[in-house]
């Protein structure tokens, strides 16, 4: 492939806004993961590398080619405010395809965050910018594009694999300092309802614990802890 640009999915913006409003929920990746019955959770090596700021939004999927990873500047021709950039870099841990300038461009474009199944760098700059990045690793080694001026092959808006989870364009990405959970878009409405309900029950449980409730009392009232 050279440059393949698929079609941006049509999404229910009101549904996306409801998910984004869950951003302040404690341990939101866990809550949504529970609502998915433990499915859709990326590998534990996918961690926050700059600021531990939760972010939620629809996936703009990016697929690279193993052994010839390029800089992903083309995404800024297509990304919309609130998107989460999800990059399938085949788990490559030693060549970084996201750096400080990318973080600056993403912040200016009002992108919610980036998830890279591969390596990133300049995490100090991303931290200074307040731009959240999740990746499999961190390494100073850049991609070759700055030297070769080659920015392809690359594919946008295709199905990818990131952190061991299949991600479709438009799937809802829920990321925090604990991990990343992927909500298939076609299940999003039902998952939101379950996640919102669980968040309310967990908040109520916390309040009961602070008031001195016992385990038996909590189980009797909420059915789980």
N, C-alpha and C. Protein backbone atom coordinates (compact mmCIF):
# COMPACT_ATOMS: atom_id res chain seq x y z
N UNK A 1 0.84 -1.20 0.00
CA UNK A 1 0.00 0.00 0.00
C UNK A 1 0.87 1.24 0.00
N UNK A 2 0.37 2.33 -0.57
CA UNK A 2 1.03 3.62 -0.50
C UNK A 2 0.31 4.46 0.55
N UNK A 3 -0.60 5.31 0.12
CA UNK A 3 -1.44 6.04 1.07
C UNK A 3 -2.89 5.63 0.80
N UNK A 4 -3.49 5.00 1.77
CA UNK A 4 -4.87 4.55 1.64
C UNK A 4 -5.71 5.31 2.66
N UNK A 5 -6.67 6.04 2.18
CA UNK A 5 -7.53 6.82 3.05
C UNK A 5 -8.95 6.27 2.92
N UNK A 6 -9.43 5.63 3.97
CA UNK A 6 -10.78 5.11 3.96
C UNK A 6 -11.79 6.21 4.24
N UNK A 7 -13.00 5.80 4.49
CA UNK A 7 -14.09 6.75 4.71
C UNK A 7 -14.29 6.97 6.19
N UNK A 8 -14.38 8.24 6.58
CA UNK A 8 -14.66 8.56 7.98
C UNK A 8 -16.07 8.09 8.32
N UNK A 9 -16.23 7.33 9.42
CA UNK A 9 -17.57 6.84 9.76
C UNK A 9 -18.48 7.96 10.24
N UNK A 10 -19.76 7.79 10.02
CA UNK A 10 -20.75 8.72 10.55
C UNK A 10 -21.13 8.27 11.95
N UNK A 11 -20.98 9.17 12.90
CA UNK A 11 -21.17 8.83 14.30
C UNK A 11 -22.25 9.70 14.92
N UNK A 12 -22.87 9.17 15.96
CA UNK A 12 -23.86 9.91 16.73
C UNK A 12 -23.11 10.81 17.71
N UNK A 13 -23.06 12.09 17.42
CA UNK A 13 -22.28 13.02 18.23
C UNK A 13 -22.81 13.12 19.66
N UNK A 14 -24.12 12.98 19.83
CA UNK A 14 -24.67 13.03 21.19
C UNK A 14 -24.19 11.84 22.02
N UNK A 15 -24.10 10.67 21.39
CA UNK A 15 -23.58 9.50 22.09
C UNK A 15 -22.11 9.69 22.46
N UNK A 16 -21.33 10.25 21.54
CA UNK A 16 -19.91 10.52 21.83
C UNK A 16 -19.80 11.47 23.02
N UNK A 17 -20.63 12.52 23.04
CA UNK A 17 -20.59 13.48 24.14
C UNK A 17 -20.91 12.82 25.48
N UNK A 18 -21.85 11.88 25.47
CA UNK A 18 -22.19 11.19 26.71
C UNK A 18 -21.00 10.38 27.22
N UNK A 19 -20.30 9.72 26.31
CA UNK A 19 -19.12 8.96 26.73
C UNK A 19 -18.04 9.91 27.26
N UNK A 20 -17.80 10.99 26.54
CA UNK A 20 -16.76 11.95 26.97
C UNK A 20 -17.06 12.47 28.36
N UNK A 21 -18.34 12.61 28.69
CA UNK A 21 -18.73 13.10 30.02
C UNK A 21 -18.37 12.13 31.13
N UNK A 22 -18.02 10.88 30.78
CA UNK A 22 -17.57 9.91 31.79
C UNK A 22 -16.11 10.11 32.18
N UNK A 23 -15.45 11.08 31.56
CA UNK A 23 -14.00 11.26 31.75
C UNK A 23 -13.62 11.47 33.20
N UNK A 24 -14.51 12.06 33.99
CA UNK A 24 -14.19 12.34 35.39
C UNK A 24 -14.56 11.20 36.33
N UNK A 25 -15.09 10.11 35.77
CA UNK A 25 -15.41 8.93 36.58
C UNK A 25 -14.12 8.29 37.08
N UNK A 26 -14.08 7.93 38.36
CA UNK A 26 -12.91 7.27 38.92
C UNK A 26 -12.66 5.94 38.20
N UNK A 27 -11.39 5.72 37.80
CA UNK A 27 -11.00 4.45 37.15
C UNK A 27 -11.89 4.14 35.96
N UNK A 28 -12.06 5.13 35.07
CA UNK A 28 -13.05 4.98 34.01
C UNK A 28 -12.74 3.84 33.06
N UNK A 29 -11.46 3.53 32.80
CA UNK A 29 -11.15 2.40 31.93
C UNK A 29 -11.63 1.09 32.54
N UNK A 30 -11.59 1.00 33.87
CA UNK A 30 -12.06 -0.19 34.58
C UNK A 30 -13.58 -0.29 34.51
N UNK A 31 -14.24 0.83 34.76
CA UNK A 31 -15.71 0.85 34.76
C UNK A 31 -16.24 0.44 33.39
N UNK A 32 -15.66 1.00 32.33
CA UNK A 32 -16.11 0.66 30.99
C UNK A 32 -15.72 -0.78 30.63
N UNK A 33 -14.53 -1.21 31.08
CA UNK A 33 -14.13 -2.59 30.87
C UNK A 33 -15.08 -3.58 31.53
N UNK A 34 -15.54 -3.23 32.73
CA UNK A 34 -16.53 -4.08 33.40
C UNK A 34 -17.84 -4.10 32.63
N UNK A 35 -18.23 -2.95 32.09
CA UNK A 35 -19.47 -2.88 31.31
C UNK A 35 -19.37 -3.71 30.04
N UNK A 36 -18.14 -3.95 29.57
CA UNK A 36 -17.90 -4.82 28.42
C UNK A 36 -17.65 -6.27 28.84
N UNK A 37 -17.84 -6.55 30.13
CA UNK A 37 -17.62 -7.90 30.68
C UNK A 37 -16.19 -8.38 30.39
N UNK A 38 -15.21 -7.45 30.61
CA UNK A 38 -13.78 -7.72 30.57
C UNK A 38 -13.23 -7.82 29.16
N UNK A 39 -14.03 -7.51 28.15
CA UNK A 39 -13.55 -7.51 26.77
C UNK A 39 -13.01 -6.13 26.41
N UNK A 40 -12.27 -6.05 25.30
CA UNK A 40 -11.86 -4.78 24.74
C UNK A 40 -10.77 -4.04 25.49
N UNK A 41 -10.06 -4.73 26.36
CA UNK A 41 -9.03 -4.07 27.18
C UNK A 41 -7.65 -4.32 26.57
N UNK A 42 -6.93 -3.25 26.29
CA UNK A 42 -5.60 -3.38 25.68
C UNK A 42 -4.59 -3.98 26.65
N UNK A 43 -3.52 -4.50 26.09
CA UNK A 43 -2.45 -5.11 26.86
C UNK A 43 -1.91 -4.14 27.91
N UNK A 44 -1.48 -4.69 29.03
CA UNK A 44 -1.06 -3.86 30.16
C UNK A 44 0.19 -3.03 29.88
N UNK A 45 0.93 -3.35 28.83
CA UNK A 45 2.10 -2.54 28.48
C UNK A 45 1.72 -1.20 27.85
N UNK A 46 0.46 -1.03 27.47
CA UNK A 46 0.00 0.22 26.88
C UNK A 46 -0.31 1.20 28.03
N UNK A 47 0.61 2.13 28.24
CA UNK A 47 0.54 3.01 29.41
C UNK A 47 0.66 4.49 29.03
N UNK A 48 0.12 5.34 29.90
CA UNK A 48 0.30 6.79 29.78
C UNK A 48 1.79 7.13 29.87
N UNK A 49 2.24 7.98 28.96
CA UNK A 49 3.66 8.33 28.93
C UNK A 49 3.94 9.81 29.16
N UNK A 50 2.91 10.64 29.19
CA UNK A 50 3.14 12.08 29.39
C UNK A 50 2.36 12.54 30.61
N UNK A 51 1.14 12.98 30.42
CA UNK A 51 0.30 13.39 31.54
C UNK A 51 -0.73 12.30 31.81
N UNK A 52 -1.02 12.07 33.07
CA UNK A 52 -2.01 11.05 33.45
C UNK A 52 -3.40 11.66 33.41
N UNK A 53 -3.78 12.13 32.22
CA UNK A 53 -5.07 12.80 32.03
C UNK A 53 -5.99 11.88 31.24
N UNK A 54 -7.10 11.42 31.81
CA UNK A 54 -8.01 10.54 31.07
C UNK A 54 -8.51 11.22 29.80
N UNK A 55 -8.69 10.42 28.75
CA UNK A 55 -9.29 10.95 27.52
C UNK A 55 -10.19 9.89 26.90
N UNK A 56 -11.25 10.38 26.25
CA UNK A 56 -12.25 9.52 25.64
C UNK A 56 -12.64 10.14 24.30
N UNK A 57 -12.76 9.31 23.27
CA UNK A 57 -13.20 9.83 21.97
C UNK A 57 -13.21 8.76 20.92
N UNK A 58 -13.74 9.08 19.74
CA UNK A 58 -13.79 8.10 18.65
C UNK A 58 -12.43 7.90 18.01
N UNK A 59 -12.16 6.68 17.60
CA UNK A 59 -10.85 6.33 17.05
C UNK A 59 -10.70 6.78 15.60
N UNK A 60 -9.63 7.52 15.34
CA UNK A 60 -9.14 7.70 13.98
C UNK A 60 -7.99 6.70 13.84
N UNK A 61 -8.22 5.64 13.09
CA UNK A 61 -7.27 4.53 13.04
C UNK A 61 -6.20 4.76 11.98
N UNK A 62 -4.97 4.37 12.34
CA UNK A 62 -3.81 4.54 11.46
C UNK A 62 -3.04 3.23 11.45
N UNK A 63 -2.71 2.76 10.26
CA UNK A 63 -1.94 1.52 10.13
C UNK A 63 -0.66 1.77 9.37
N UNK A 64 0.45 1.36 9.98
CA UNK A 64 1.77 1.47 9.34
C UNK A 64 2.21 0.10 8.83
N UNK A 65 3.43 0.04 8.34
CA UNK A 65 3.97 -1.20 7.79
C UNK A 65 5.18 -1.62 8.60
N UNK A 66 5.22 -2.85 9.10
CA UNK A 66 6.36 -3.27 9.91
C UNK A 66 7.66 -3.19 9.12
N UNK A 67 8.69 -2.70 9.80
CA UNK A 67 10.00 -2.60 9.18
C UNK A 67 10.21 -1.32 8.39
N UNK A 68 9.13 -0.53 8.20
CA UNK A 68 9.28 0.71 7.45
C UNK A 68 8.32 1.75 8.02
N UNK A 69 8.44 1.98 9.31
CA UNK A 69 7.53 2.89 10.00
C UNK A 69 7.80 4.33 9.59
N UNK A 70 6.73 5.05 9.28
CA UNK A 70 6.87 6.43 8.82
C UNK A 70 6.22 7.39 9.81
N UNK A 71 6.59 8.66 9.70
CA UNK A 71 5.89 9.70 10.45
C UNK A 71 4.47 9.83 9.91
N UNK A 72 3.54 10.16 10.80
CA UNK A 72 2.11 10.11 10.47
C UNK A 72 1.50 11.49 10.25
N UNK A 73 2.21 12.38 9.57
CA UNK A 73 1.75 13.76 9.44
C UNK A 73 0.43 13.88 8.69
N UNK A 74 0.12 12.90 7.85
CA UNK A 74 -1.12 12.97 7.07
C UNK A 74 -2.37 12.99 7.95
N UNK A 75 -2.24 12.53 9.19
CA UNK A 75 -3.43 12.49 10.05
C UNK A 75 -4.00 13.89 10.27
N UNK A 76 -3.16 14.91 10.21
CA UNK A 76 -3.64 16.26 10.50
C UNK A 76 -4.46 16.85 9.35
N UNK A 77 -4.50 16.15 8.22
CA UNK A 77 -5.39 16.54 7.13
C UNK A 77 -6.80 15.98 7.35
N UNK A 78 -6.94 15.06 8.31
CA UNK A 78 -8.19 14.34 8.47
C UNK A 78 -8.76 14.38 9.88
N UNK A 79 -7.93 14.57 10.89
CA UNK A 79 -8.41 14.51 12.27
C UNK A 79 -9.35 15.66 12.58
N UNK A 80 -10.36 15.36 13.40
CA UNK A 80 -11.33 16.35 13.85
C UNK A 80 -11.17 16.54 15.36
N UNK A 81 -11.57 17.70 15.88
CA UNK A 81 -11.50 17.91 17.33
C UNK A 81 -12.24 16.80 18.07
N UNK A 82 -11.58 16.28 19.12
CA UNK A 82 -12.17 15.22 19.92
C UNK A 82 -11.77 13.82 19.49
N UNK A 83 -11.15 13.68 18.32
CA UNK A 83 -10.70 12.36 17.88
C UNK A 83 -9.60 11.82 18.80
N UNK A 84 -9.52 10.51 18.87
CA UNK A 84 -8.37 9.84 19.46
C UNK A 84 -7.61 9.16 18.34
N UNK A 85 -6.34 9.51 18.16
CA UNK A 85 -5.51 8.88 17.15
C UNK A 85 -5.04 7.53 17.69
N UNK A 86 -5.33 6.45 16.97
CA UNK A 86 -4.90 5.11 17.38
C UNK A 86 -4.03 4.55 16.26
N UNK A 87 -2.76 4.28 16.58
CA UNK A 87 -1.78 3.91 15.57
C UNK A 87 -1.31 2.48 15.78
N UNK A 88 -1.48 1.68 14.75
CA UNK A 88 -0.97 0.31 14.72
C UNK A 88 0.44 0.34 14.15
N UNK A 89 1.44 0.39 15.05
CA UNK A 89 2.85 0.37 14.65
C UNK A 89 3.46 -0.99 14.95
N UNK A 90 2.61 -2.01 15.02
CA UNK A 90 3.03 -3.40 15.14
C UNK A 90 3.87 -3.68 16.38
N UNK A 91 3.64 -2.87 17.44
CA UNK A 91 4.33 -3.11 18.69
C UNK A 91 5.82 -2.86 18.65
N UNK A 92 6.30 -2.17 17.61
CA UNK A 92 7.72 -1.84 17.49
C UNK A 92 8.15 -0.95 18.65
N UNK A 93 9.11 -1.42 19.44
CA UNK A 93 9.46 -0.72 20.68
C UNK A 93 10.66 0.21 20.55
N UNK A 94 11.41 0.15 19.43
CA UNK A 94 12.67 0.89 19.37
C UNK A 94 12.66 2.05 18.38
N UNK A 95 11.66 2.15 17.54
CA UNK A 95 11.56 3.26 16.60
C UNK A 95 10.29 4.04 16.91
N UNK A 96 10.45 5.32 17.24
CA UNK A 96 9.32 6.14 17.67
C UNK A 96 8.67 6.83 16.47
N UNK A 97 7.35 6.75 16.42
CA UNK A 97 6.62 7.38 15.31
C UNK A 97 5.74 8.53 15.81
N UNK A 98 5.97 8.95 17.05
CA UNK A 98 5.26 10.11 17.60
C UNK A 98 6.22 10.85 18.51
N UNK A 99 6.34 12.19 18.29
CA UNK A 99 7.24 12.99 19.11
C UNK A 99 6.61 14.30 19.54
N UNK A 100 7.43 15.20 20.00
CA UNK A 100 6.95 16.44 20.58
C UNK A 100 6.22 17.33 19.58
N UNK A 101 6.72 17.43 18.34
CA UNK A 101 6.06 18.26 17.36
C UNK A 101 4.69 17.70 17.00
N UNK A 102 4.59 16.36 16.94
CA UNK A 102 3.29 15.73 16.70
C UNK A 102 2.33 16.06 17.84
N UNK A 103 2.84 16.04 19.06
CA UNK A 103 1.98 16.38 20.21
C UNK A 103 1.50 17.82 20.12
N UNK A 104 2.39 18.72 19.70
CA UNK A 104 1.99 20.11 19.55
C UNK A 104 0.93 20.30 18.48
N UNK A 105 1.13 19.63 17.34
CA UNK A 105 0.14 19.71 16.27
C UNK A 105 -1.20 19.12 16.71
N UNK A 106 -1.13 18.01 17.43
CA UNK A 106 -2.36 17.36 17.90
C UNK A 106 -3.10 18.24 18.90
N UNK A 107 -2.36 18.86 19.78
CA UNK A 107 -2.99 19.76 20.76
C UNK A 107 -3.66 20.92 20.05
N UNK A 108 -2.99 21.49 19.04
CA UNK A 108 -3.57 22.60 18.29
C UNK A 108 -4.82 22.17 17.53
N UNK A 109 -4.84 20.91 17.09
CA UNK A 109 -6.00 20.38 16.36
C UNK A 109 -7.12 19.92 17.29
N UNK A 110 -6.90 20.07 18.60
CA UNK A 110 -7.88 19.68 19.63
C UNK A 110 -8.18 18.18 19.60
N UNK A 111 -7.15 17.41 19.26
CA UNK A 111 -7.26 15.96 19.34
C UNK A 111 -7.25 15.57 20.82
N UNK A 112 -8.10 14.58 21.17
CA UNK A 112 -8.25 14.23 22.60
C UNK A 112 -7.03 13.54 23.17
N UNK A 113 -6.37 12.72 22.38
CA UNK A 113 -5.21 11.98 22.85
C UNK A 113 -4.74 11.02 21.77
N UNK A 114 -3.61 10.36 22.03
CA UNK A 114 -3.05 9.41 21.08
C UNK A 114 -2.77 8.09 21.77
N UNK A 115 -3.03 7.01 21.05
CA UNK A 115 -2.73 5.66 21.52
C UNK A 115 -1.85 5.01 20.45
N UNK A 116 -0.62 4.66 20.80
CA UNK A 116 0.34 4.15 19.83
C UNK A 116 0.78 2.75 20.23
N UNK A 117 0.44 1.76 19.42
CA UNK A 117 0.96 0.42 19.67
C UNK A 117 2.35 0.36 19.04
N UNK A 118 3.27 0.99 19.73
CA UNK A 118 4.63 1.15 19.27
C UNK A 118 5.32 2.10 20.23
N UNK A 119 6.31 2.83 19.71
CA UNK A 119 7.12 3.69 20.57
C UNK A 119 6.85 5.17 20.28
N UNK A 120 7.00 5.98 21.33
CA UNK A 120 6.92 7.44 21.21
C UNK A 120 8.16 8.04 21.87
N UNK A 121 8.34 9.33 21.64
CA UNK A 121 9.46 10.03 22.29
C UNK A 121 9.02 11.45 22.65
N UNK A 122 9.96 12.25 23.16
CA UNK A 122 9.67 13.63 23.56
C UNK A 122 8.50 13.70 24.53
N UNK A 123 8.44 12.75 25.43
CA UNK A 123 7.34 12.72 26.39
C UNK A 123 7.38 13.92 27.34
N UNK A 124 8.57 14.47 27.54
CA UNK A 124 8.66 15.67 28.38
C UNK A 124 7.96 16.85 27.71
N UNK A 125 8.10 16.95 26.39
CA UNK A 125 7.43 18.02 25.66
C UNK A 125 5.91 17.83 25.67
N UNK A 126 5.49 16.58 25.49
CA UNK A 126 4.05 16.30 25.56
C UNK A 126 3.50 16.64 26.94
N UNK A 127 4.29 16.37 27.97
CA UNK A 127 3.87 16.68 29.34
C UNK A 127 3.75 18.19 29.51
N UNK A 128 4.72 18.93 28.97
CA UNK A 128 4.67 20.39 29.05
C UNK A 128 3.43 20.93 28.33
N UNK A 129 3.05 20.30 27.23
CA UNK A 129 1.88 20.72 26.46
C UNK A 129 0.57 20.24 27.08
N UNK A 130 0.68 19.29 28.00
CA UNK A 130 -0.52 18.72 28.59
C UNK A 130 -1.26 17.79 27.65
N UNK A 131 -0.52 17.19 26.70
CA UNK A 131 -1.16 16.31 25.72
C UNK A 131 -0.95 14.85 26.14
N UNK A 132 -2.03 14.09 26.31
CA UNK A 132 -1.90 12.71 26.79
C UNK A 132 -1.58 11.71 25.68
N UNK A 133 -0.62 10.85 25.96
CA UNK A 133 -0.20 9.81 25.02
C UNK A 133 -0.14 8.48 25.76
N UNK A 134 -0.69 7.46 25.13
CA UNK A 134 -0.50 6.09 25.57
C UNK A 134 0.36 5.39 24.52
N UNK A 135 1.34 4.61 24.97
CA UNK A 135 2.15 3.84 24.02
C UNK A 135 2.65 2.57 24.67
N UNK A 136 3.21 1.70 23.82
CA UNK A 136 3.80 0.46 24.33
C UNK A 136 5.19 0.71 24.90
N UNK A 137 5.91 1.71 24.36
CA UNK A 137 7.27 1.97 24.85
C UNK A 137 7.64 3.41 24.55
N UNK A 138 8.83 3.79 25.04
CA UNK A 138 9.40 5.12 24.80
C UNK A 138 10.85 4.92 24.37
N UNK A 139 11.26 5.62 23.30
CA UNK A 139 12.64 5.49 22.81
C UNK A 139 13.05 6.77 22.09
N UNK A 140 14.32 7.19 22.20
CA UNK A 140 14.77 8.39 21.49
C UNK A 140 14.86 8.23 19.98
N UNK A 141 14.89 6.99 19.48
CA UNK A 141 15.15 6.74 18.05
C UNK A 141 13.95 7.15 17.21
N UNK A 142 14.21 8.07 16.27
CA UNK A 142 13.13 8.58 15.41
C UNK A 142 12.86 7.65 14.24
N UNK A 143 11.71 7.86 13.61
CA UNK A 143 11.43 7.21 12.34
C UNK A 143 12.32 7.83 11.26
N UNK A 144 12.34 7.20 10.10
CA UNK A 144 13.27 7.64 9.05
C UNK A 144 12.76 8.82 8.23
N UNK A 145 11.49 9.21 8.38
CA UNK A 145 10.88 10.16 7.46
C UNK A 145 11.61 11.51 7.40
N UNK A 146 12.13 11.97 8.55
CA UNK A 146 12.83 13.26 8.57
C UNK A 146 14.06 13.25 7.67
N UNK A 147 14.61 12.07 7.40
CA UNK A 147 15.82 11.94 6.60
C UNK A 147 15.50 11.51 5.17
N UNK A 148 14.56 10.59 5.02
CA UNK A 148 14.23 10.07 3.69
C UNK A 148 13.17 10.91 2.98
N UNK A 149 12.40 11.70 3.75
CA UNK A 149 11.26 12.46 3.21
C UNK A 149 10.17 11.54 2.66
N UNK A 150 10.17 10.32 3.13
CA UNK A 150 9.15 9.35 2.73
C UNK A 150 8.12 9.25 3.85
N UNK A 151 6.85 9.42 3.51
CA UNK A 151 5.78 9.42 4.51
C UNK A 151 4.73 8.35 4.22
N UNK A 152 5.04 7.43 3.37
CA UNK A 152 4.16 6.32 3.03
C UNK A 152 5.00 5.05 3.04
N UNK A 153 4.39 3.90 3.18
CA UNK A 153 2.96 3.57 3.16
C UNK A 153 2.28 3.85 4.50
N UNK A 154 0.98 4.19 4.41
CA UNK A 154 0.17 4.47 5.57
C UNK A 154 -1.30 4.30 5.19
N UNK A 155 -2.09 3.86 6.14
CA UNK A 155 -3.52 3.69 5.89
C UNK A 155 -4.31 4.33 7.03
N UNK A 156 -5.32 5.11 6.66
CA UNK A 156 -6.23 5.73 7.64
C UNK A 156 -7.63 5.16 7.47
N UNK A 157 -8.35 5.09 8.59
CA UNK A 157 -9.75 4.63 8.60
C UNK A 157 -9.91 3.19 8.14
N UNK A 158 -8.96 2.35 8.52
CA UNK A 158 -9.12 0.92 8.31
C UNK A 158 -9.17 0.22 9.66
N UNK A 159 -9.50 -1.06 9.65
CA UNK A 159 -9.46 -1.84 10.89
C UNK A 159 -8.01 -2.13 11.24
N UNK A 160 -7.68 -1.99 12.52
CA UNK A 160 -6.30 -2.19 12.96
C UNK A 160 -6.29 -3.06 14.21
N UNK A 161 -5.08 -3.41 14.64
CA UNK A 161 -4.88 -4.06 15.93
C UNK A 161 -3.99 -3.16 16.77
N UNK A 162 -4.42 -2.88 18.00
CA UNK A 162 -3.63 -2.05 18.91
C UNK A 162 -3.76 -2.62 20.31
N UNK A 163 -2.63 -2.90 20.93
CA UNK A 163 -2.65 -3.45 22.28
C UNK A 163 -3.38 -4.78 22.37
N UNK A 164 -3.39 -5.53 21.26
CA UNK A 164 -4.04 -6.83 21.25
C UNK A 164 -5.54 -6.78 21.05
N UNK A 165 -6.08 -5.60 20.73
CA UNK A 165 -7.52 -5.43 20.51
C UNK A 165 -7.75 -4.93 19.09
N UNK A 166 -8.74 -5.49 18.42
CA UNK A 166 -9.13 -4.98 17.11
C UNK A 166 -9.86 -3.66 17.31
N UNK A 167 -9.42 -2.63 16.58
CA UNK A 167 -10.03 -1.31 16.67
C UNK A 167 -10.55 -0.93 15.30
N UNK A 168 -11.83 -0.61 15.23
CA UNK A 168 -12.46 -0.14 14.00
C UNK A 168 -12.54 1.38 14.05
N UNK A 169 -12.49 2.04 12.90
CA UNK A 169 -12.66 3.50 12.91
C UNK A 169 -14.00 3.86 13.54
N UNK A 170 -13.94 4.81 14.47
CA UNK A 170 -15.16 5.23 15.16
C UNK A 170 -15.42 4.53 16.47
N UNK A 171 -14.72 3.41 16.74
CA UNK A 171 -14.85 2.80 18.06
C UNK A 171 -14.46 3.83 19.12
N UNK A 172 -15.04 3.70 20.29
CA UNK A 172 -14.80 4.69 21.34
C UNK A 172 -13.65 4.23 22.24
N UNK A 173 -12.64 5.07 22.34
CA UNK A 173 -11.44 4.78 23.12
C UNK A 173 -11.57 5.44 24.49
N UNK A 174 -11.36 4.65 25.53
CA UNK A 174 -11.43 5.14 26.90
C UNK A 174 -10.07 4.87 27.54
N UNK A 175 -9.32 5.93 27.84
CA UNK A 175 -7.96 5.77 28.33
C UNK A 175 -7.75 6.57 29.62
N UNK A 176 -7.04 5.95 30.55
CA UNK A 176 -6.64 6.65 31.77
C UNK A 176 -5.31 6.06 32.23
N UNK A 177 -4.86 6.44 33.43
CA UNK A 177 -3.55 5.98 33.89
C UNK A 177 -3.51 4.49 34.14
N UNK A 178 -4.68 3.84 34.19
CA UNK A 178 -4.73 2.40 34.44
C UNK A 178 -4.58 1.62 33.15
N UNK A 179 -5.20 2.09 32.08
CA UNK A 179 -5.11 1.37 30.82
C UNK A 179 -6.07 1.92 29.78
N UNK A 180 -6.31 1.11 28.74
CA UNK A 180 -7.14 1.53 27.61
C UNK A 180 -8.20 0.48 27.35
N UNK A 181 -9.44 0.94 27.23
CA UNK A 181 -10.56 0.07 26.89
C UNK A 181 -11.18 0.56 25.59
N UNK A 182 -11.51 -0.38 24.72
CA UNK A 182 -12.07 -0.06 23.40
C UNK A 182 -13.52 -0.52 23.35
N UNK A 183 -14.42 0.42 23.07
CA UNK A 183 -15.84 0.11 22.97
C UNK A 183 -16.23 0.02 21.50
N UNK A 184 -16.62 -1.15 21.00
CA UNK A 184 -17.10 -1.22 19.62
C UNK A 184 -18.27 -0.26 19.42
N UNK A 185 -18.22 0.51 18.35
CA UNK A 185 -19.22 1.56 18.18
C UNK A 185 -20.64 1.00 18.16
N UNK A 186 -20.82 -0.18 17.54
CA UNK A 186 -22.16 -0.73 17.43
C UNK A 186 -22.73 -1.16 18.78
N UNK A 187 -21.88 -1.28 19.79
CA UNK A 187 -22.33 -1.64 21.13
C UNK A 187 -22.35 -0.45 22.08
N UNK A 188 -22.00 0.72 21.58
CA UNK A 188 -21.69 1.85 22.44
C UNK A 188 -22.88 2.30 23.30
N UNK A 189 -24.06 2.34 22.74
CA UNK A 189 -25.21 2.83 23.50
C UNK A 189 -25.47 1.96 24.72
N UNK A 190 -25.48 0.63 24.51
CA UNK A 190 -25.73 -0.29 25.63
C UNK A 190 -24.60 -0.26 26.63
N UNK A 191 -23.37 -0.17 26.15
CA UNK A 191 -22.21 -0.13 27.05
C UNK A 191 -22.24 1.14 27.88
N UNK A 192 -22.60 2.25 27.26
CA UNK A 192 -22.68 3.51 28.01
C UNK A 192 -23.66 3.39 29.16
N UNK A 193 -24.84 2.84 28.90
CA UNK A 193 -25.86 2.72 29.94
C UNK A 193 -25.35 1.88 31.11
N UNK A 194 -24.68 0.77 30.79
CA UNK A 194 -24.15 -0.09 31.86
C UNK A 194 -23.03 0.60 32.62
N UNK A 195 -22.15 1.30 31.88
CA UNK A 195 -21.03 1.98 32.53
C UNK A 195 -21.51 3.12 33.42
N UNK A 196 -22.47 3.89 32.94
CA UNK A 196 -22.99 5.01 33.74
C UNK A 196 -23.66 4.49 35.00
N UNK A 197 -24.38 3.38 34.88
CA UNK A 197 -25.04 2.80 36.05
C UNK A 197 -24.01 2.29 37.05
N UNK A 198 -22.97 1.62 36.54
CA UNK A 198 -21.94 1.11 37.45
C UNK A 198 -21.20 2.25 38.14
N UNK A 199 -20.92 3.33 37.40
CA UNK A 199 -20.22 4.47 38.00
C UNK A 199 -21.02 5.04 39.17
N UNK A 200 -22.34 5.11 39.02
CA UNK A 200 -23.19 5.62 40.10
C UNK A 200 -23.15 4.67 41.30
N UNK A 201 -23.20 3.36 41.04
CA UNK A 201 -23.19 2.40 42.13
C UNK A 201 -21.84 2.41 42.85
N UNK A 202 -20.75 2.56 42.11
CA UNK A 202 -19.44 2.59 42.75
C UNK A 202 -19.28 3.83 43.61
N UNK A 203 -19.80 4.96 43.14
CA UNK A 203 -19.73 6.18 43.93
C UNK A 203 -20.53 6.02 45.22
N UNK A 204 -21.71 5.40 45.10
CA UNK A 204 -22.52 5.15 46.29
C UNK A 204 -21.81 4.20 47.24
N UNK A 205 -21.14 3.18 46.68
CA UNK A 205 -20.40 2.24 47.52
C UNK A 205 -19.26 2.93 48.25
N UNK A 206 -18.53 3.80 47.56
CA UNK A 206 -17.45 4.55 48.21
C UNK A 206 -17.98 5.35 49.38
N UNK A 207 -19.09 6.00 49.17
CA UNK A 207 -19.66 6.82 50.24
C UNK A 207 -20.06 5.96 51.44
N UNK A 208 -20.61 4.77 51.17
CA UNK A 208 -20.98 3.86 52.26
C UNK A 208 -19.73 3.39 53.01
N UNK A 209 -18.66 3.09 52.28
CA UNK A 209 -17.41 2.66 52.92
C UNK A 209 -16.89 3.76 53.84
N UNK A 210 -16.91 5.00 53.35
CA UNK A 210 -16.43 6.11 54.16
C UNK A 210 -17.28 6.33 55.41
N UNK A 211 -18.54 5.89 55.33
CA UNK A 211 -19.42 5.99 56.51
C UNK A 211 -19.27 4.78 57.43
N UNK A 212 -18.40 3.82 57.05
CA UNK A 212 -18.11 2.71 57.94
C UNK A 212 -18.87 1.43 57.66
N UNK A 213 -19.48 1.27 56.47
CA UNK A 213 -20.22 0.06 56.14
C UNK A 213 -19.30 -1.16 56.12
N UNK A 214 -19.83 -2.31 56.51
CA UNK A 214 -19.07 -3.55 56.49
C UNK A 214 -19.20 -4.22 55.13
N UNK A 215 -18.35 -5.23 54.92
CA UNK A 215 -18.39 -5.97 53.66
C UNK A 215 -19.76 -6.62 53.47
N UNK A 216 -20.28 -7.24 54.51
CA UNK A 216 -21.59 -7.89 54.40
C UNK A 216 -22.68 -6.89 54.06
N UNK A 217 -22.61 -5.72 54.67
CA UNK A 217 -23.61 -4.69 54.37
C UNK A 217 -23.50 -4.21 52.93
N UNK A 218 -22.27 -4.08 52.45
CA UNK A 218 -22.05 -3.62 51.08
C UNK A 218 -22.56 -4.65 50.07
N UNK A 219 -22.25 -5.92 50.34
CA UNK A 219 -22.71 -6.99 49.44
C UNK A 219 -24.23 -7.09 49.43
N UNK A 220 -24.82 -6.92 50.59
CA UNK A 220 -26.28 -6.99 50.66
C UNK A 220 -26.94 -5.85 49.91
N UNK A 221 -26.30 -4.69 49.91
CA UNK A 221 -26.91 -3.52 49.29
C UNK A 221 -26.59 -3.40 47.81
N UNK A 222 -25.33 -3.73 47.44
CA UNK A 222 -24.90 -3.48 46.06
C UNK A 222 -24.63 -4.75 45.26
N UNK A 223 -24.49 -5.90 45.93
CA UNK A 223 -24.27 -7.14 45.21
C UNK A 223 -22.84 -7.40 44.78
N UNK A 224 -21.97 -6.40 44.89
CA UNK A 224 -20.56 -6.55 44.55
C UNK A 224 -19.78 -5.41 45.19
N UNK A 225 -18.49 -5.59 45.22
CA UNK A 225 -17.63 -4.52 45.73
C UNK A 225 -16.55 -4.26 44.69
